[in-house]
Amino acid sequence: MKVNVFIPCIVDQFKPNTAQSLFKILRHLGVEFNYSGQQTCCGLPAYNAGHWDEARQLGEKFIKEFGTDKYIVMPSAACANMIRNNYNRFFYNTSLHLEYKKLQTKVFEISDFLINVLDISAWKGKFKAKIIPHIESNAKINYHLTDEPLRLLKMIEGITIVEPFQKYSDCGFGGVFSVMYPQLSADIAMEELKHAVNAGADYIVTLETSCVLQLESVASKNGIDIKIISLIDLLAESLRFSDAIFNEENQVALG
């Protein structure tokens, strides 16, 4: 199988190692992939800020660049939801209608792809830690993830899940929300951090790089001793502690 990889702009700018983790995972599973250095953004930040003309332009660029012949895999349920569902506001009954409708069936957040497309049932990684999963409400309500991240976490030897998913959970980022309401944004993050500490977790595991940044920042400012990691980084890191042969370089040639 060969897929296209989309790296969200926030990953590209702030956590590029998370992109490398995604490449590692796909290589480990024998999935060929193409990453275009021309890609930029799905339009979600502009969309959330109310700049819909700019979001539409980025959406057009995305549709034209990625096409519909391969799965498109990304380490973000928020970006996947933007493409799958919110593009409908821009491209329904337009010249890009057919291309967009085909694209909807090809876009996958990485845990969804691993469980429901590749049908992963075992993972060779090892990682000894007590973790608490943090899966944002948007991923559950809008993208419709169910237990895919939890199933992957349970496959990692050494992981102890100290508490299952909460029904609704948010880190307080919300794009422009964290800029317009910084104190409320920080308070929401604090609730998540305190909850994880009280549960005895060593790590909070989240799908979104934006939540990693948000929770890390608030934890650092308030002296809270807990680590934040994305699911894809945890999966990649777990391979380092397994007995798997995994000596590939952490780089990928731009397609």
C-alpha atoms as a PDB file:
ATOM      1  CA  MET A   1       0.000   0.000   0.000  1.00  0.00           C
ATOM      2  CA  LYS A   2       1.122   3.554  -0.742  1.00  0.00           C
ATOM      3  CA  VAL A   3      -0.375   6.599   0.966  1.00  0.00           C
ATOM      4  CA  ASN A   4      -0.009  10.344   0.921  1.00  0.00           C
ATOM      5  CA  VAL A   5       1.025  11.988   4.192  1.00  0.00           C
ATOM      6  CA  PHE A   6      -0.265  15.363   5.335  1.00  0.00           C
ATOM      7  CA  ILE A   7       1.649  17.104   8.123  1.00  0.00           C
ATOM      8  CA  PRO A   8      -0.425  19.865   9.788  1.00  0.00           C
ATOM      9  CA  CYS A   9       1.171  23.295   9.915  1.00  0.00           C
ATOM     10  CA  ILE A  10       1.385  23.292  13.725  1.00  0.00           C
ATOM     11  CA  VAL A  11       3.335  20.010  13.620  1.00  0.00           C
ATOM     12  CA  ASP A  12       5.605  21.326  10.897  1.00  0.00           C
ATOM     13  CA  GLN A  13       6.367  24.546  12.779  1.00  0.00           C
ATOM     14  CA  PHE A  14       6.489  23.448  16.420  1.00  0.00           C
ATOM     15  CA  LYS A  15       6.900  19.645  16.667  1.00  0.00           C
ATOM     16  CA  PRO A  16       8.602  18.401  13.485  1.00  0.00           C
ATOM     17  CA  ASN A  17       9.764  15.268  15.308  1.00  0.00           C
ATOM     18  CA  THR A  18       6.112  14.187  15.396  1.00  0.00           C
ATOM     19  CA  ALA A  19       6.169  14.131  11.597  1.00  0.00           C
ATOM     20  CA  GLN A  20       9.245  11.919  11.751  1.00  0.00           C
ATOM     21  CA  SER A  21       7.381   9.647  14.177  1.00  0.00           C
ATOM     22  CA  LEU A  22       4.605   9.224  11.637  1.00  0.00           C
ATOM     23  CA  PHE A  23       7.135   8.343   8.950  1.00  0.00           C
ATOM     24  CA  LYS A  24       8.732   5.797  11.306  1.00  0.00           C
ATOM     25  CA  ILE A  25       5.423   4.116  12.033  1.00  0.00           C
ATOM     26  CA  LEU A  26       4.488   3.829   8.376  1.00  0.00           C
ATOM     27  CA  ARG A  27       7.928   2.411   7.488  1.00  0.00           C
ATOM     28  CA  HIS A  28       7.706  -0.057  10.355  1.00  0.00           C
ATOM     29  CA  LEU A  29       4.395  -1.318   8.993  1.00  0.00           C
ATOM     30  CA  GLY A  30       5.689  -1.554   5.434  1.00  0.00           C
ATOM     31  CA  VAL A  31       3.486   1.265   4.150  1.00  0.00           C
ATOM     32  CA  GLU A  32       5.031   3.296   1.349  1.00  0.00           C
ATOM     33  CA  PHE A  33       4.283   6.993   1.499  1.00  0.00           C
ATOM     34  CA  ASN A  34       4.707  10.244  -0.323  1.00  0.00           C
ATOM     35  CA  TYR A  35       5.252  13.555   1.418  1.00  0.00           C
ATOM     36  CA  SER A  36       5.090  16.668  -0.719  1.00  0.00           C
ATOM     37  CA  GLY A  37       7.151  19.618   0.427  1.00  0.00           C
ATOM     38  CA  GLN A  38       4.639  21.921  -1.281  1.00  0.00           C
ATOM     39  CA  GLN A  39       1.871  21.198   1.237  1.00  0.00           C
ATOM     40  CA  THR A  40       1.022  23.922   3.722  1.00  0.00           C
ATOM     41  CA  CYS A  41      -2.214  23.961   5.738  1.00  0.00           C
ATOM     42  CA  CYS A  42      -5.697  22.449   5.645  1.00  0.00           C
ATOM     43  CA  GLY A  43      -7.243  25.835   6.470  1.00  0.00           C
ATOM     44  CA  LEU A  44      -8.406  25.014  10.004  1.00  0.00           C
ATOM     45  CA  PRO A  45      -6.774  27.993  11.787  1.00  0.00           C
ATOM     46  CA  ALA A  46      -8.331  30.427   9.296  1.00  0.00           C
ATOM     47  CA  TYR A  47     -11.673  28.624   9.505  1.00  0.00           C
ATOM     48  CA  ASN A  48     -11.769  28.789  13.304  1.00  0.00           C
ATOM     49  CA  ALA A  49     -10.851  32.480  13.213  1.00  0.00           C
ATOM     50  CA  GLY A  50     -13.729  33.236  10.827  1.00  0.00           C
ATOM     51  CA  HIS A  51     -11.525  33.929   7.788  1.00  0.00           C
ATOM     52  CA  TRP A  52     -13.469  31.666   5.461  1.00  0.00           C
ATOM     53  CA  ASP A  53     -12.181  33.122   2.187  1.00  0.00           C
ATOM     54  CA  GLU A  54      -8.646  32.243   3.211  1.00  0.00           C
ATOM     55  CA  ALA A  55      -9.774  28.824   4.466  1.00  0.00           C
ATOM     56  CA  ARG A  56     -11.453  28.149   1.108  1.00  0.00           C
ATOM     57  CA  GLN A  57      -8.264  29.054  -0.776  1.00  0.00           C
ATOM     58  CA  LEU A  58      -6.246  26.639   1.340  1.00  0.00           C
ATOM     59  CA  GLY A  59      -8.914  23.990   0.827  1.00  0.00           C
ATOM     60  CA  GLU A  60      -8.704  24.381  -2.937  1.00  0.00           C
ATOM     61  CA  LYS A  61      -4.939  24.017  -2.761  1.00  0.00           C
ATOM     62  CA  PHE A  62      -5.285  20.878  -0.644  1.00  0.00           C
ATOM     63  CA  ILE A  63      -7.787  19.228  -2.998  1.00  0.00           C
ATOM     64  CA  LYS A  64      -5.732  19.966  -6.095  1.00  0.00           C
ATOM     65  CA  GLU A  65      -2.467  18.782  -4.532  1.00  0.00           C
ATOM     66  CA  PHE A  66      -3.650  15.543  -2.963  1.00  0.00           C
ATOM     67  CA  GLY A  67      -6.157  14.183  -5.472  1.00  0.00           C
ATOM     68  CA  THR A  68      -8.208  11.103  -4.648  1.00  0.00           C
ATOM     69  CA  ASP A  69      -6.242   8.029  -5.732  1.00  0.00           C
ATOM     70  CA  LYS A  70      -4.559   7.232  -2.370  1.00  0.00           C
ATOM     71  CA  TYR A  71      -5.376   7.368   1.315  1.00  0.00           C
ATOM     72  CA  ILE A  72      -4.278  10.590   3.010  1.00  0.00           C
ATOM     73  CA  VAL A  73      -2.938   9.990   6.518  1.00  0.00           C
ATOM     74  CA  MET A  74      -2.297  12.668   9.139  1.00  0.00           C
ATOM     75  CA  PRO A  75      -1.476  12.931  12.875  1.00  0.00           C
ATOM     76  CA  SER A  76      -4.522  15.080  13.696  1.00  0.00           C
ATOM     77  CA  ALA A  77      -8.226  14.365  14.045  1.00  0.00           C
ATOM     78  CA  ALA A  78      -8.915  18.116  13.951  1.00  0.00           C
ATOM     79  CA  CYS A  79      -7.351  18.536  10.509  1.00  0.00           C
ATOM     80  CA  ALA A  80      -8.948  15.326   9.246  1.00  0.00           C
ATOM     81  CA  ASN A  81     -12.346  16.589  10.401  1.00  0.00           C
ATOM     82  CA  MET A  82     -11.744  19.945   8.719  1.00  0.00           C
ATOM     83  CA  ILE A  83     -11.153  18.211   5.394  1.00  0.00           C
ATOM     84  CA  ARG A  84     -13.808  15.523   5.733  1.00  0.00           C
ATOM     85  CA  ASN A  85     -16.626  17.682   7.022  1.00  0.00           C
ATOM     86  CA  ASN A  86     -15.991  21.431   7.002  1.00  0.00           C
ATOM     87  CA  TYR A  87     -14.883  21.579   3.373  1.00  0.00           C
ATOM     88  CA  ASN A  88     -18.483  20.799   2.548  1.00  0.00           C
ATOM     89  CA  ARG A  89     -19.308  24.425   3.413  1.00  0.00           C
ATOM     90  CA  PHE A  90     -17.020  25.611   0.638  1.00  0.00           C
ATOM     91  CA  PHE A  91     -17.172  23.051  -2.137  1.00  0.00           C
ATOM     92  CA  TYR A  92     -20.683  21.644  -2.169  1.00  0.00           C
ATOM     93  CA  ASN A  93     -22.195  22.117  -5.643  1.00  0.00           C
ATOM     94  CA  THR A  94     -19.057  23.816  -6.994  1.00  0.00           C
ATOM     95  CA  SER A  95     -16.584  22.839  -9.683  1.00  0.00           C
ATOM     96  CA  LEU A  96     -14.646  20.934  -6.994  1.00  0.00           C
ATOM     97  CA  HIS A  97     -17.690  19.072  -5.673  1.00  0.00           C
ATOM     98  CA  LEU A  98     -16.859  15.652  -7.137  1.00  0.00           C
ATOM     99  CA  GLU A  99     -13.169  15.848  -6.236  1.00  0.00           C
ATOM    100  CA  TYR A 100     -14.057  16.816  -2.682  1.00  0.00           C
ATOM    101  CA  LYS A 101     -16.635  14.062  -2.231  1.00  0.00           C
ATOM    102  CA  LYS A 102     -14.063  11.471  -3.324  1.00  0.00           C
ATOM    103  CA  LEU A 103     -11.479  13.027  -1.031  1.00  0.00           C
ATOM    104  CA  GLN A 104     -13.771  12.652   1.992  1.00  0.00           C
ATOM    105  CA  THR A 105     -13.448   8.867   1.868  1.00  0.00           C
ATOM    106  CA  LYS A 106      -9.634   8.980   1.674  1.00  0.00           C
ATOM    107  CA  VAL A 107      -8.745  11.213   4.635  1.00  0.00           C
ATOM    108  CA  PHE A 108      -7.774   9.450   7.891  1.00  0.00           C
ATOM    109  CA  GLU A 109      -6.414  10.403  11.286  1.00  0.00           C
ATOM    110  CA  ILE A 110      -3.569   7.990  12.022  1.00  0.00           C
ATOM    111  CA  SER A 111      -5.194   5.836  14.737  1.00  0.00           C
ATOM    112  CA  ASP A 112      -8.318   5.468  12.593  1.00  0.00           C
ATOM    113  CA  PHE A 113      -6.124   4.418   9.669  1.00  0.00           C
ATOM    114  CA  LEU A 114      -4.114   1.901  11.677  1.00  0.00           C
ATOM    115  CA  ILE A 115      -7.159   0.217  13.207  1.00  0.00           C
ATOM    116  CA  ASN A 116      -9.818   0.466  10.504  1.00  0.00           C
ATOM    117  CA  VAL A 117      -7.771   0.381   7.291  1.00  0.00           C
ATOM    118  CA  LEU A 118      -4.626  -1.587   8.145  1.00  0.00           C
ATOM    119  CA  ASP A 119      -6.509  -3.658  10.727  1.00  0.00           C
ATOM    120  CA  ILE A 120      -3.646  -3.611  13.230  1.00  0.00           C
ATOM    121  CA  SER A 121      -4.238  -6.118  16.019  1.00  0.00           C
ATOM    122  CA  ALA A 122      -0.794  -6.257  17.667  1.00  0.00           C
ATOM    123  CA  TRP A 123       2.106  -3.876  18.286  1.00  0.00           C
ATOM    124  CA  LYS A 124       5.680  -4.835  19.054  1.00  0.00           C
ATOM    125  CA  GLY A 125       6.505  -1.701  21.007  1.00  0.00           C
ATOM    126  CA  LYS A 126       7.307  -1.500  24.711  1.00  0.00           C
ATOM    127  CA  PHE A 127       6.962   1.523  26.971  1.00  0.00           C
ATOM    128  CA  LYS A 128       6.698   1.330  30.753  1.00  0.00           C
ATOM    129  CA  ALA A 129       4.529   4.160  32.068  1.00  0.00           C
ATOM    130  CA  LYS A 130       1.221   5.029  33.661  1.00  0.00           C
ATOM    131  CA  ILE A 131      -0.742   7.056  31.151  1.00  0.00           C
ATOM    132  CA  ILE A 132      -4.059   8.800  30.869  1.00  0.00           C
ATOM    133  CA  PRO A 133      -5.573   9.227  27.380  1.00  0.00           C
ATOM    134  CA  HIS A 134      -6.723  12.697  26.386  1.00  0.00           C
ATOM    135  CA  ILE A 135      -8.871  12.602  23.266  1.00  0.00           C
ATOM    136  CA  GLU A 136     -10.523  15.912  22.453  1.00  0.00           C
ATOM    137  CA  SER A 137     -14.276  16.206  22.126  1.00  0.00           C
ATOM    138  CA  ASN A 138     -13.858  17.284  18.513  1.00  0.00           C
ATOM    139  CA  ALA A 139     -12.242  13.957  17.649  1.00  0.00           C
ATOM    140  CA  LYS A 140     -15.151  12.038  19.142  1.00  0.00           C
ATOM    141  CA  ILE A 141     -18.121  14.228  18.241  1.00  0.00           C
ATOM    142  CA  ASN A 142     -17.132  15.559  14.816  1.00  0.00           C
ATOM    143  CA  TYR A 143     -14.565  13.115  13.457  1.00  0.00           C
ATOM    144  CA  HIS A 144     -16.341  10.169  15.159  1.00  0.00           C
ATOM    145  CA  LEU A 145     -13.370   8.370  16.654  1.00  0.00           C
ATOM    146  CA  THR A 146     -14.473   5.713  19.105  1.00  0.00           C
ATOM    147  CA  ASP A 147     -11.946   3.446  20.839  1.00  0.00           C
ATOM    148  CA  GLU A 148      -9.210   3.373  18.175  1.00  0.00           C
ATOM    149  CA  PRO A 149      -6.557   5.248  20.228  1.00  0.00           C
ATOM    150  CA  LEU A 150      -7.349   3.188  23.308  1.00  0.00           C
ATOM    151  CA  ARG A 151      -6.996  -0.060  21.352  1.00  0.00           C
ATOM    152  CA  LEU A 152      -3.555   1.002  20.140  1.00  0.00           C
ATOM    153  CA  LEU A 153      -2.441   2.028  23.623  1.00  0.00           C
ATOM    154  CA  LYS A 154      -3.498  -1.337  25.038  1.00  0.00           C
ATOM    155  CA  MET A 155      -1.247  -3.077  22.518  1.00  0.00           C
ATOM    156  CA  ILE A 156       1.911  -1.437  23.905  1.00  0.00           C
ATOM    157  CA  GLU A 157       3.621  -3.704  26.428  1.00  0.00           C
ATOM    158  CA  GLY A 158       4.301  -1.949  29.740  1.00  0.00           C
ATOM    159  CA  ILE A 159       1.597   0.695  29.422  1.00  0.00           C
ATOM    160  CA  THR A 160      -0.812   1.046  32.325  1.00  0.00           C
ATOM    161  CA  ILE A 161      -3.912   3.086  31.568  1.00  0.00           C
ATOM    162  CA  VAL A 162      -4.823   4.633  34.906  1.00  0.00           C
ATOM    163  CA  GLU A 163      -8.213   5.814  33.715  1.00  0.00           C
ATOM    164  CA  PRO A 164     -10.238   5.229  30.522  1.00  0.00           C
ATOM    165  CA  PHE A 165     -11.353   7.973  28.171  1.00  0.00           C
ATOM    166  CA  GLN A 166     -13.579  10.654  29.544  1.00  0.00           C
ATOM    167  CA  LYS A 167     -16.743  11.221  27.553  1.00  0.00           C
ATOM    168  CA  TYR A 168     -15.769  14.810  26.825  1.00  0.00           C
ATOM    169  CA  SER A 169     -12.315  16.277  27.183  1.00  0.00           C
ATOM    170  CA  ASP A 170     -10.599  19.471  26.063  1.00  0.00           C
ATOM    171  CA  CYS A 171      -7.158  20.958  26.540  1.00  0.00           C
ATOM    172  CA  GLY A 172      -8.226  24.601  26.180  1.00  0.00           C
ATOM    173  CA  PHE A 173      -6.340  25.370  22.983  1.00  0.00           C
ATOM    174  CA  GLY A 174      -9.073  25.820  20.382  1.00  0.00           C
ATOM    175  CA  GLY A 175      -6.903  27.866  18.028  1.00  0.00           C
ATOM    176  CA  VAL A 176      -7.920  31.511  18.274  1.00  0.00           C
ATOM    177  CA  PHE A 177      -9.859  30.683  21.468  1.00  0.00           C
ATOM    178  CA  SER A 178      -6.611  30.471  23.449  1.00  0.00           C
ATOM    179  CA  VAL A 179      -5.621  33.927  22.178  1.00  0.00           C
ATOM    180  CA  MET A 180      -8.978  35.596  22.813  1.00  0.00           C
ATOM    181  CA  TYR A 181      -9.545  33.962  26.213  1.00  0.00           C
ATOM    182  CA  PRO A 182      -6.074  33.163  27.596  1.00  0.00           C
ATOM    183  CA  GLN A 183      -7.108  32.760  31.235  1.00  0.00           C
ATOM    184  CA  LEU A 184     -10.079  30.515  30.465  1.00  0.00           C
ATOM    185  CA  SER A 185      -7.879  28.540  28.074  1.00  0.00           C
ATOM    186  CA  ALA A 186      -5.270  28.036  30.802  1.00  0.00           C
ATOM    187  CA  ASP A 187      -7.936  27.113  33.366  1.00  0.00           C
ATOM    188  CA  ILE A 188      -9.287  24.356  31.089  1.00  0.00           C
ATOM    189  CA  ALA A 189      -5.777  22.980  30.638  1.00  0.00           C
ATOM    190  CA  MET A 190      -5.204  23.093  34.402  1.00  0.00           C
ATOM    191  CA  GLU A 191      -8.290  20.965  34.983  1.00  0.00           C
ATOM    192  CA  GLU A 192      -6.923  18.312  32.634  1.00  0.00           C
ATOM    193  CA  LEU A 193      -3.477  18.422  34.219  1.00  0.00           C
ATOM    194  CA  LYS A 194      -4.798  18.175  37.790  1.00  0.00           C
ATOM    195  CA  HIS A 195      -7.076  15.330  36.800  1.00  0.00           C
ATOM    196  CA  ALA A 196      -4.147  13.386  35.315  1.00  0.00           C
ATOM    197  CA  VAL A 197      -1.874  14.035  38.311  1.00  0.00           C
ATOM    198  CA  ASN A 198      -4.587  12.991  40.764  1.00  0.00           C
ATOM    199  CA  ALA A 199      -5.091   9.793  38.756  1.00  0.00           C
ATOM    200  CA  GLY A 200      -1.396   8.966  39.197  1.00  0.00           C
ATOM    201  CA  ALA A 201      -0.409   9.279  35.540  1.00  0.00           C
ATOM    202  CA  ASP A 202       3.173   9.757  34.344  1.00  0.00           C
ATOM    203  CA  TYR A 203       2.030  10.870  30.886  1.00  0.00           C
ATOM    204  CA  ILE A 204      -0.963  12.453  29.233  1.00  0.00           C
ATOM    205  CA  VAL A 205      -1.343  10.987  25.735  1.00  0.00           C
ATOM    206  CA  THR A 206      -3.175  13.138  23.213  1.00  0.00           C
ATOM    207  CA  LEU A 207      -3.906  13.062  19.477  1.00  0.00           C
ATOM    208  CA  GLU A 208      -3.307  16.741  18.815  1.00  0.00           C
ATOM    209  CA  THR A 209       0.036  18.546  18.718  1.00  0.00           C
ATOM    210  CA  SER A 210      -1.853  21.709  19.659  1.00  0.00           C
ATOM    211  CA  CYS A 211      -2.851  20.001  22.921  1.00  0.00           C
ATOM    212  CA  VAL A 212       0.710  18.859  23.534  1.00  0.00           C
ATOM    213  CA  LEU A 213       1.866  22.477  23.239  1.00  0.00           C
ATOM    214  CA  GLN A 214      -0.999  23.810  25.348  1.00  0.00           C
ATOM    215  CA  LEU A 215      -0.663  21.300  28.180  1.00  0.00           C
ATOM    216  CA  GLU A 216       3.149  21.480  28.197  1.00  0.00           C
ATOM    217  CA  SER A 217       3.029  25.269  28.469  1.00  0.00           C
ATOM    218  CA  VAL A 218       0.528  25.372  31.329  1.00  0.00           C
ATOM    219  CA  ALA A 219       2.269  22.523  33.171  1.00  0.00           C
ATOM    220  CA  SER A 220       5.631  24.294  32.880  1.00  0.00           C
ATOM    221  CA  LYS A 221       4.288  27.660  34.066  1.00  0.00           C
ATOM    222  CA  ASN A 222       2.631  26.056  37.086  1.00  0.00           C
ATOM    223  CA  GLY A 223       5.357  23.609  38.050  1.00  0.00           C
ATOM    224  CA  ILE A 224       3.242  20.521  37.371  1.00  0.00           C
ATOM    225  CA  ASP A 225       5.395  17.416  37.031  1.00  0.00           C
ATOM    226  CA  ILE A 226       3.767  15.396  34.258  1.00  0.00           C
ATOM    227  CA  LYS A 227       4.844  14.615  30.711  1.00  0.00           C
ATOM    228  CA  ILE A 228       2.732  15.236  27.617  1.00  0.00           C
ATOM    229  CA  ILE A 229       3.142  13.133  24.491  1.00  0.00           C
ATOM    230  CA  SER A 230       1.197  12.591  21.296  1.00  0.00           C
ATOM    231  CA  LEU A 231      -0.093   9.114  20.465  1.00  0.00           C
ATOM    232  CA  ILE A 232       2.041   8.861  17.334  1.00  0.00           C
ATOM    233  CA  ASP A 233       5.196   9.890  19.242  1.00  0.00           C
ATOM    234  CA  LEU A 234       4.434   7.291  21.912  1.00  0.00           C
ATOM    235  CA  LEU A 235       3.982   4.558  19.307  1.00  0.00           C
ATOM    236  CA  ALA A 236       7.272   5.489  17.651  1.00  0.00           C
ATOM    237  CA  GLU A 237       9.100   5.774  20.975  1.00  0.00           C
ATOM    238  CA  SER A 238       7.799   2.374  22.079  1.00  0.00           C
ATOM    239  CA  LEU A 239       9.642   0.748  19.187  1.00  0.00           C
ATOM    240  CA  ARG A 240      12.964   1.968  20.579  1.00  0.00           C
ATOM    241  CA  PHE A 241      12.360  -0.059  23.718  1.00  0.00           C
ATOM    242  CA  SER A 242      11.225  -3.187  21.933  1.00  0.00           C
ATOM    243  CA  ASP A 243      13.454  -5.950  20.597  1.00  0.00           C
ATOM    244  CA  ALA A 244      12.504  -4.981  17.037  1.00  0.00           C
ATOM    245  CA  ILE A 245      15.262  -4.100  14.608  1.00  0.00           C
ATOM    246  CA  PHE A 246      14.594  -0.457  13.895  1.00  0.00           C
ATOM    247  CA  ASN A 247      17.634   1.396  12.648  1.00  0.00           C
ATOM    248  CA  GLU A 248      16.185   3.505   9.873  1.00  0.00           C
ATOM    249  CA  GLU A 249      17.164   7.135   9.581  1.00  0.00           C
ATOM    250  CA  ASN A 250      14.810   9.767  10.976  1.00  0.00           C
ATOM    251  CA  GLN A 251      14.670  11.596   7.696  1.00  0.00           C
ATOM    252  CA  VAL A 252      12.505  11.376   4.586  1.00  0.00           C
ATOM    253  CA  ALA A 253      13.247  12.680   1.123  1.00  0.00           C
ATOM    254  CA  LEU A 254      10.732  15.267   0.091  1.00  0.00           C
ATOM    255  CA  GLY A 255       8.587  13.980  -2.764  1.00  0.00           C
END
